[in-house]
């Protein structure tokens, strides 16, 4: 069975085919937040992609959010995106 992070990487790879992608779970930094939900993750995506770099930053972020829309509803509370 593939992990949740592997599923995210696979979805992004199918749509964007980036040169590299790193997922970091930052949930532990947010445990004291009022709205913290232990069932949802705070994830940082570091993505190396010439395709995304050529886009307007907002459009690039919207593209990633669209790919992960189901995960955003159910498993991801916050998503930080860094495009290289």
PDB file of N, CA and C in Angstrom:
ATOM      1  N   UNK A   1       0.836  -1.185   0.000  1.00  0.00           N
ATOM      2  CA  UNK A   1       0.000   0.000   0.000  1.00  0.00           C
ATOM      3  C   UNK A   1       0.886   1.256   0.000  1.00  0.00           C
ATOM      4  N   UNK A   2       0.532   2.191  -0.835  1.00  0.00           N
ATOM      5  CA  UNK A   2       1.339   3.403  -0.913  1.00  0.00           C
ATOM      6  C   UNK A   2       0.934   4.390   0.182  1.00  0.00           C
ATOM      7  N   UNK A   3       1.906   5.172   0.607  1.00  0.00           N
ATOM      8  CA  UNK A   3       1.645   6.157   1.653  1.00  0.00           C
ATOM      9  C   UNK A   3       0.899   7.356   1.067  1.00  0.00           C
ATOM     10  N   UNK A   4       0.335   8.161   1.945  1.00  0.00           N
ATOM     11  CA  UNK A   4      -0.388   9.361   1.518  1.00  0.00           C
ATOM     12  C   UNK A   4       0.543  10.294   0.744  1.00  0.00           C
ATOM     13  N   UNK A   5       1.779  10.444   1.208  1.00  0.00           N
ATOM     14  CA  UNK A   5       2.738  11.301   0.509  1.00  0.00           C
ATOM     15  C   UNK A   5       3.053  10.756  -0.888  1.00  0.00           C
ATOM     16  N   UNK A   6       3.166   9.438  -1.001  1.00  0.00           N
ATOM     17  CA  UNK A   6       3.415   8.828  -2.314  1.00  0.00           C
ATOM     18  C   UNK A   6       2.243   9.094  -3.262  1.00  0.00           C
ATOM     19  N   UNK A   7       1.028   9.048  -2.733  1.00  0.00           N
ATOM     20  CA  UNK A   7      -0.160   9.326  -3.549  1.00  0.00           C
ATOM     21  C   UNK A   7      -0.152  10.769  -4.050  1.00  0.00           C
ATOM     22  N   UNK A   8       0.229  11.687  -3.172  1.00  0.00           N
ATOM     23  CA  UNK A   8       0.316  13.100  -3.567  1.00  0.00           C
ATOM     24  C   UNK A   8       1.356  13.275  -4.673  1.00  0.00           C
ATOM     25  N   UNK A   9       2.537  12.698  -4.457  1.00  0.00           N
ATOM     26  CA  UNK A   9       3.607  12.800  -5.466  1.00  0.00           C
ATOM     27  C   UNK A   9       3.150  12.230  -6.806  1.00  0.00           C
ATOM     28  N   UNK A  10       2.477  11.085  -6.770  1.00  0.00           N
ATOM     29  CA  UNK A  10       2.003  10.446  -7.992  1.00  0.00           C
ATOM     30  C   UNK A  10       1.014  11.341  -8.737  1.00  0.00           C
ATOM     31  N   UNK A  11       0.077  11.959  -8.010  1.00  0.00           N
ATOM     32  CA  UNK A  11      -0.907  12.839  -8.647  1.00  0.00           C
ATOM     33  C   UNK A  11      -0.226  14.042  -9.299  1.00  0.00           C
ATOM     34  N   UNK A  12       0.719  14.640  -8.593  1.00  0.00           N
ATOM     35  CA  UNK A  12       1.423  15.802  -9.142  1.00  0.00           C
ATOM     36  C   UNK A  12       2.286  15.386 -10.324  1.00  0.00           C
ATOM     37  N   UNK A  13       2.973  14.253 -10.219  1.00  0.00           N
ATOM     38  CA  UNK A  13       3.812  13.771 -11.322  1.00  0.00           C
ATOM     39  C   UNK A  13       2.999  13.526 -12.590  1.00  0.00           C
ATOM     40  N   UNK A  14       1.793  12.976 -12.440  1.00  0.00           N
ATOM     41  CA  UNK A  14       0.941  12.700 -13.612  1.00  0.00           C
ATOM     42  C   UNK A  14       0.526  13.975 -14.332  1.00  0.00           C
ATOM     43  N   UNK A  15       0.244  15.030 -13.569  1.00  0.00           N
ATOM     44  CA  UNK A  15      -0.269  16.264 -14.172  1.00  0.00           C
ATOM     45  C   UNK A  15       0.824  17.241 -14.604  1.00  0.00           C
ATOM     46  N   UNK A  16       1.900  17.323 -13.829  1.00  0.00           N
ATOM     47  CA  UNK A  16       2.919  18.346 -14.075  1.00  0.00           C
ATOM     48  C   UNK A  16       4.253  17.756 -14.535  1.00  0.00           C
ATOM     49  N   UNK A  17       4.578  16.555 -14.084  1.00  0.00           N
ATOM     50  CA  UNK A  17       5.853  15.910 -14.372  1.00  0.00           C
ATOM     51  C   UNK A  17       7.042  16.804 -13.987  1.00  0.00           C
ATOM     52  N   UNK A  18       7.134  17.163 -12.701  1.00  0.00           N
ATOM     53  CA  UNK A  18       8.230  18.041 -12.271  1.00  0.00           C
ATOM     54  C   UNK A  18       9.571  17.323 -12.273  1.00  0.00           C
ATOM     55  N   UNK A  19      10.635  18.106 -12.271  1.00  0.00           N
ATOM     56  CA  UNK A  19      11.980  17.532 -12.222  1.00  0.00           C
ATOM     57  C   UNK A  19      12.228  16.871 -10.859  1.00  0.00           C
ATOM     58  N   UNK A  20      11.678  17.485  -9.796  1.00  0.00           N
ATOM     59  CA  UNK A  20      11.851  16.928  -8.454  1.00  0.00           C
ATOM     60  C   UNK A  20      10.718  17.431  -7.566  1.00  0.00           C
ATOM     61  N   UNK A  21      10.353  16.621  -6.583  1.00  0.00           N
ATOM     62  CA  UNK A  21       9.323  17.025  -5.637  1.00  0.00           C
ATOM     63  C   UNK A  21       9.660  16.468  -4.258  1.00  0.00           C
ATOM     64  N   UNK A  22       9.583  17.338  -3.257  1.00  0.00           N
ATOM     65  CA  UNK A  22       9.846  16.945  -1.870  1.00  0.00           C
ATOM     66  C   UNK A  22       8.636  17.355  -1.039  1.00  0.00           C
ATOM     67  N   UNK A  23       8.154  16.444  -0.217  1.00  0.00           N
ATOM     68  CA  UNK A  23       7.039  16.734   0.684  1.00  0.00           C
ATOM     69  C   UNK A  23       7.548  16.702   2.116  1.00  0.00           C
ATOM     70  N   UNK A  24       7.176  17.722   2.876  1.00  0.00           N
ATOM     71  CA  UNK A  24       7.605  17.831   4.270  1.00  0.00           C
ATOM     72  C   UNK A  24       6.362  17.976   5.143  1.00  0.00           C
ATOM     73  N   UNK A  25       6.273  17.151   6.171  1.00  0.00           N
ATOM     74  CA  UNK A  25       5.158  17.225   7.107  1.00  0.00           C
ATOM     75  C   UNK A  25       5.523  18.205   8.231  1.00  0.00           C
ATOM     76  N   UNK A  26       4.873  19.371   8.219  1.00  0.00           N
ATOM     77  CA  UNK A  26       5.125  20.399   9.239  1.00  0.00           C
ATOM     78  C   UNK A  26       4.039  20.420  10.308  1.00  0.00           C
ATOM     79  N   UNK A  27       3.248  19.382  10.405  1.00  0.00           N
ATOM     80  CA  UNK A  27       2.132  19.339  11.348  1.00  0.00           C
ATOM     81  C   UNK A  27       2.576  19.550  12.790  1.00  0.00           C
ATOM     82  N   UNK A  28       3.723  19.027  13.142  1.00  0.00           N
ATOM     83  CA  UNK A  28       4.188  19.123  14.527  1.00  0.00           C
ATOM     84  C   UNK A  28       4.417  20.564  14.973  1.00  0.00           C
ATOM     85  N   UNK A  29       4.612  21.485  14.026  1.00  0.00           N
ATOM     86  CA  UNK A  29       4.825  22.890  14.367  1.00  0.00           C
ATOM     87  C   UNK A  29       3.517  23.614  14.679  1.00  0.00           C
ATOM     88  N   UNK A  30       2.380  22.954  14.447  1.00  0.00           N
ATOM     89  CA  UNK A  30       1.085  23.622  14.551  1.00  0.00           C
ATOM     90  C   UNK A  30       0.172  23.026  15.615  1.00  0.00           C
ATOM     91  N   UNK A  31       0.683  22.156  16.451  1.00  0.00           N
ATOM     92  CA  UNK A  31      -0.154  21.450  17.429  1.00  0.00           C
ATOM     93  C   UNK A  31      -0.808  22.383  18.446  1.00  0.00           C
ATOM     94  N   UNK A  32      -0.231  23.538  18.699  1.00  0.00           N
ATOM     95  CA  UNK A  32      -0.797  24.462  19.681  1.00  0.00           C
ATOM     96  C   UNK A  32      -1.800  25.452  19.072  1.00  0.00           C
ATOM     97  N   UNK A  33      -1.981  25.380  17.755  1.00  0.00           N
ATOM     98  CA  UNK A  33      -2.941  26.275  17.113  1.00  0.00           C
ATOM     99  C   UNK A  33      -4.362  25.917  17.532  1.00  0.00           C
ATOM    100  N   UNK A  34      -5.180  26.930  17.673  1.00  0.00           N
ATOM    101  CA  UNK A  34      -6.571  26.756  18.099  1.00  0.00           C
ATOM    102  C   UNK A  34      -7.331  25.813  17.162  1.00  0.00           C
ATOM    103  N   UNK A  35      -7.105  25.937  15.866  1.00  0.00           N
ATOM    104  CA  UNK A  35      -7.838  25.121  14.889  1.00  0.00           C
ATOM    105  C   UNK A  35      -7.119  23.822  14.529  1.00  0.00           C
ATOM    106  N   UNK A  36      -6.098  23.437  15.300  1.00  0.00           N
ATOM    107  CA  UNK A  36      -5.338  22.227  14.979  1.00  0.00           C
ATOM    108  C   UNK A  36      -6.232  20.991  15.016  1.00  0.00           C
ATOM    109  N   UNK A  37      -6.127  20.183  13.972  1.00  0.00           N
ATOM    110  CA  UNK A  37      -6.865  18.925  13.863  1.00  0.00           C
ATOM    111  C   UNK A  37      -5.828  17.822  13.640  1.00  0.00           C
ATOM    112  N   UNK A  38      -5.683  16.889  14.579  1.00  0.00           N
ATOM    113  CA  UNK A  38      -4.659  15.841  14.420  1.00  0.00           C
ATOM    114  C   UNK A  38      -4.902  14.922  13.220  1.00  0.00           C
ATOM    115  N   UNK A  39      -6.084  14.997  12.639  1.00  0.00           N
ATOM    116  CA  UNK A  39      -6.400  14.165  11.469  1.00  0.00           C
ATOM    117  C   UNK A  39      -6.061  14.847  10.151  1.00  0.00           C
ATOM    118  N   UNK A  40      -5.617  16.094  10.224  1.00  0.00           N
ATOM    119  CA  UNK A  40      -5.262  16.825   9.007  1.00  0.00           C
ATOM    120  C   UNK A  40      -3.813  17.286   9.090  1.00  0.00           C
ATOM    121  N   UNK A  41      -3.172  17.352   7.950  1.00  0.00           N
ATOM    122  CA  UNK A  41      -1.746  17.642   7.878  1.00  0.00           C
ATOM    123  C   UNK A  41      -1.442  19.073   7.442  1.00  0.00           C
ATOM    124  N   UNK A  42      -0.309  19.565   7.887  1.00  0.00           N
ATOM    125  CA  UNK A  42       0.286  20.807   7.404  1.00  0.00           C
ATOM    126  C   UNK A  42       1.473  20.353   6.553  1.00  0.00           C
ATOM    127  N   UNK A  43       1.384  20.548   5.264  1.00  0.00           N
ATOM    128  CA  UNK A  43       2.406  20.028   4.351  1.00  0.00           C
ATOM    129  C   UNK A  43       3.088  21.163   3.601  1.00  0.00           C
ATOM    130  N   UNK A  44       4.403  21.010   3.443  1.00  0.00           N
ATOM    131  CA  UNK A  44       5.163  21.905   2.575  1.00  0.00           C
ATOM    132  C   UNK A  44       5.597  21.082   1.362  1.00  0.00           C
ATOM    133  N   UNK A  45       5.351  21.636   0.182  1.00  0.00           N
ATOM    134  CA  UNK A  45       5.788  20.999  -1.058  1.00  0.00           C
ATOM    135  C   UNK A  45       6.892  21.864  -1.649  1.00  0.00           C
ATOM    136  N   UNK A  46       8.039  21.257  -1.869  1.00  0.00           N
ATOM    137  CA  UNK A  46       9.129  21.919  -2.584  1.00  0.00           C
ATOM    138  C   UNK A  46       9.170  21.232  -3.937  1.00  0.00           C
ATOM    139  N   UNK A  47       8.844  21.990  -4.970  1.00  0.00           N
ATOM    140  CA  UNK A  47       8.711  21.389  -6.288  1.00  0.00           C
ATOM    141  C   UNK A  47       9.610  22.108  -7.292  1.00  0.00           C
ATOM    142  N   UNK A  48      10.406  21.314  -7.969  1.00  0.00           N
ATOM    143  CA  UNK A  48      11.302  21.830  -9.000  1.00  0.00           C
ATOM    144  C   UNK A  48      10.622  21.554 -10.330  1.00  0.00           C
ATOM    145  N   UNK A  49      10.183  22.625 -10.990  1.00  0.00           N
ATOM    146  CA  UNK A  49       9.433  22.431 -12.222  1.00  0.00           C
ATOM    147  C   UNK A  49       9.593  23.638 -13.143  1.00  0.00           C
ATOM    148  N   UNK A  50      10.150  23.395 -14.307  1.00  0.00           N
ATOM    149  CA  UNK A  50      10.277  24.462 -15.306  1.00  0.00           C
ATOM    150  C   UNK A  50       8.891  24.906 -15.774  1.00  0.00           C
ATOM    151  N   UNK A  51       7.976  23.960 -15.881  1.00  0.00           N
ATOM    152  CA  UNK A  51       6.607  24.265 -16.305  1.00  0.00           C
ATOM    153  C   UNK A  51       5.948  25.255 -15.346  1.00  0.00           C
ATOM    154  N   UNK A  52       6.065  24.995 -14.039  1.00  0.00           N
ATOM    155  CA  UNK A  52       5.455  25.878 -13.046  1.00  0.00           C
ATOM    156  C   UNK A  52       6.181  27.214 -12.954  1.00  0.00           C
ATOM    157  N   UNK A  53       7.502  27.204 -13.116  1.00  0.00           N
ATOM    158  CA  UNK A  53       8.276  28.442 -13.036  1.00  0.00           C
ATOM    159  C   UNK A  53       7.896  29.418 -14.149  1.00  0.00           C
ATOM    160  N   UNK A  54       7.460  28.882 -15.287  1.00  0.00           N
ATOM    161  CA  UNK A  54       7.071  29.728 -16.418  1.00  0.00           C
ATOM    162  C   UNK A  54       5.694  30.362 -16.204  1.00  0.00           C
ATOM    163  N   UNK A  55       4.928  29.823 -15.262  1.00  0.00           N
ATOM    164  CA  UNK A  55       3.592  30.345 -14.989  1.00  0.00           C
ATOM    165  C   UNK A  55       3.656  31.515 -14.006  1.00  0.00           C
ATOM    166  N   UNK A  56       2.605  32.312 -14.020  1.00  0.00           N
ATOM    167  CA  UNK A  56       2.392  33.303 -12.965  1.00  0.00           C
ATOM    168  C   UNK A  56       2.311  32.526 -11.655  1.00  0.00           C
ATOM    169  N   UNK A  57       2.869  33.077 -10.582  1.00  0.00           N
ATOM    170  CA  UNK A  57       2.951  32.364  -9.302  1.00  0.00           C
ATOM    171  C   UNK A  57       1.563  31.939  -8.799  1.00  0.00           C
ATOM    172  N   UNK A  58       0.589  32.814  -8.905  1.00  0.00           N
ATOM    173  CA  UNK A  58      -0.771  32.494  -8.437  1.00  0.00           C
ATOM    174  C   UNK A  58      -1.364  31.355  -9.262  1.00  0.00           C
ATOM    175  N   UNK A  59      -1.170  31.395 -10.557  1.00  0.00           N
ATOM    176  CA  UNK A  59      -1.682  30.327 -11.441  1.00  0.00           C
ATOM    177  C   UNK A  59      -0.992  29.002 -11.109  1.00  0.00           C
ATOM    178  N   UNK A  60       0.311  29.041 -10.863  1.00  0.00           N
ATOM    179  CA  UNK A  60       1.052  27.819 -10.517  1.00  0.00           C
ATOM    180  C   UNK A  60       0.511  27.215  -9.222  1.00  0.00           C
ATOM    181  N   UNK A  61       0.268  28.065  -8.217  1.00  0.00           N
ATOM    182  CA  UNK A  61      -0.267  27.583  -6.941  1.00  0.00           C
ATOM    183  C   UNK A  61      -1.679  27.039  -7.126  1.00  0.00           C
ATOM    184  N   UNK A  62      -2.490  27.729  -7.904  1.00  0.00           N
ATOM    185  CA  UNK A  62      -3.860  27.251  -8.170  1.00  0.00           C
ATOM    186  C   UNK A  62      -3.833  25.894  -8.880  1.00  0.00           C
ATOM    187  N   UNK A  63      -2.860  25.695  -9.742  1.00  0.00           N
ATOM    188  CA  UNK A  63      -2.718  24.421 -10.450  1.00  0.00           C
ATOM    189  C   UNK A  63      -2.477  23.288  -9.460  1.00  0.00           C
ATOM    190  N   UNK A  64      -1.595  23.498  -8.506  1.00  0.00           N
ATOM    191  CA  UNK A  64      -1.303  22.472  -7.505  1.00  0.00           C
ATOM    192  C   UNK A  64      -2.507  22.247  -6.594  1.00  0.00           C
ATOM    193  N   UNK A  65      -3.162  23.336  -6.181  1.00  0.00           N
ATOM    194  CA  UNK A  65      -4.356  23.194  -5.339  1.00  0.00           C
ATOM    195  C   UNK A  65      -5.453  22.422  -6.081  1.00  0.00           C
ATOM    196  N   UNK A  66      -5.595  22.651  -7.379  1.00  0.00           N
ATOM    197  CA  UNK A  66      -6.604  21.939  -8.168  1.00  0.00           C
ATOM    198  C   UNK A  66      -6.289  20.436  -8.231  1.00  0.00           C
ATOM    199  N   UNK A  67      -5.018  20.110  -8.377  1.00  0.00           N
ATOM    200  CA  UNK A  67      -4.607  18.694  -8.421  1.00  0.00           C
ATOM    201  C   UNK A  67      -4.920  18.010  -7.086  1.00  0.00           C
ATOM    202  N   UNK A  68      -4.753  18.741  -5.994  1.00  0.00           N
ATOM    203  CA  UNK A  68      -4.917  18.167  -4.651  1.00  0.00           C
ATOM    204  C   UNK A  68      -6.237  18.572  -3.987  1.00  0.00           C
ATOM    205  N   UNK A  69      -7.249  18.928  -4.784  1.00  0.00           N
ATOM    206  CA  UNK A  69      -8.499  19.441  -4.212  1.00  0.00           C
ATOM    207  C   UNK A  69      -9.175  18.451  -3.263  1.00  0.00           C
ATOM    208  N   UNK A  70      -9.177  17.169  -3.592  1.00  0.00           N
ATOM    209  CA  UNK A  70      -9.807  16.177  -2.709  1.00  0.00           C
ATOM    210  C   UNK A  70      -9.037  16.037  -1.402  1.00  0.00           C
ATOM    211  N   UNK A  71      -7.714  16.034  -1.494  1.00  0.00           N
ATOM    212  CA  UNK A  71      -6.866  15.922  -0.311  1.00  0.00           C
ATOM    213  C   UNK A  71      -7.030  17.153   0.584  1.00  0.00           C
ATOM    214  N   UNK A  72      -7.225  18.324  -0.047  1.00  0.00           N
ATOM    215  CA  UNK A  72      -7.408  19.557   0.726  1.00  0.00           C
ATOM    216  C   UNK A  72      -8.708  19.509   1.526  1.00  0.00           C
ATOM    217  N   UNK A  73      -9.708  18.853   1.009  1.00  0.00           N
ATOM    218  CA  UNK A  73     -10.994  18.742   1.706  1.00  0.00           C
ATOM    219  C   UNK A  73     -10.892  17.796   2.900  1.00  0.00           C
ATOM    220  N   UNK A  74     -10.124  16.725   2.752  1.00  0.00           N
ATOM    221  CA  UNK A  74     -10.164  15.641   3.729  1.00  0.00           C
ATOM    222  C   UNK A  74      -8.929  15.465   4.613  1.00  0.00           C
ATOM    223  N   UNK A  75      -7.737  15.674   4.066  1.00  0.00           N
ATOM    224  CA  UNK A  75      -6.530  15.287   4.806  1.00  0.00           C
ATOM    225  C   UNK A  75      -5.511  16.393   5.014  1.00  0.00           C
ATOM    226  N   UNK A  76      -5.616  17.480   4.240  1.00  0.00           N
ATOM    227  CA  UNK A  76      -4.631  18.555   4.349  1.00  0.00           C
ATOM    228  C   UNK A  76      -5.309  19.809   4.889  1.00  0.00           C
ATOM    229  N   UNK A  77      -4.767  20.328   5.985  1.00  0.00           N
ATOM    230  CA  UNK A  77      -5.297  21.570   6.554  1.00  0.00           C
ATOM    231  C   UNK A  77      -4.594  22.786   5.939  1.00  0.00           C
ATOM    232  N   UNK A  78      -3.284  22.671   5.777  1.00  0.00           N
ATOM    233  CA  UNK A  78      -2.495  23.793   5.233  1.00  0.00           C
ATOM    234  C   UNK A  78      -1.468  23.256   4.244  1.00  0.00           C
ATOM    235  N   UNK A  79      -1.280  24.020   3.174  1.00  0.00           N
ATOM    236  CA  UNK A  79      -0.343  23.627   2.122  1.00  0.00           C
ATOM    237  C   UNK A  79       0.555  24.802   1.789  1.00  0.00           C
ATOM    238  N   UNK A  80       1.850  24.626   2.020  1.00  0.00           N
ATOM    239  CA  UNK A  80       2.841  25.636   1.662  1.00  0.00           C
ATOM    240  C   UNK A  80       3.548  25.135   0.401  1.00  0.00           C
ATOM    241  N   UNK A  81       3.663  26.004  -0.582  1.00  0.00           N
ATOM    242  CA  UNK A  81       4.249  25.595  -1.860  1.00  0.00           C
ATOM    243  C   UNK A  81       5.471  26.453  -2.160  1.00  0.00           C
ATOM    244  N   UNK A  82       6.580  25.784  -2.435  1.00  0.00           N
ATOM    245  CA  UNK A  82       7.805  26.468  -2.869  1.00  0.00           C
ATOM    246  C   UNK A  82       8.179  25.929  -4.246  1.00  0.00           C
ATOM    247  N   UNK A  83       8.230  26.830  -5.220  1.00  0.00           N
ATOM    248  CA  UNK A  83       8.551  26.423  -6.587  1.00  0.00           C
ATOM    249  C   UNK A  83       9.968  26.877  -6.910  1.00  0.00           C
ATOM    250  N   UNK A  84      10.767  25.921  -7.359  1.00  0.00           N
ATOM    251  CA  UNK A  84      12.169  26.219  -7.711  1.00  0.00           C
ATOM    252  C   UNK A  84      12.370  26.046  -9.197  1.00  0.00           C
TER     253      UNK A  84
END
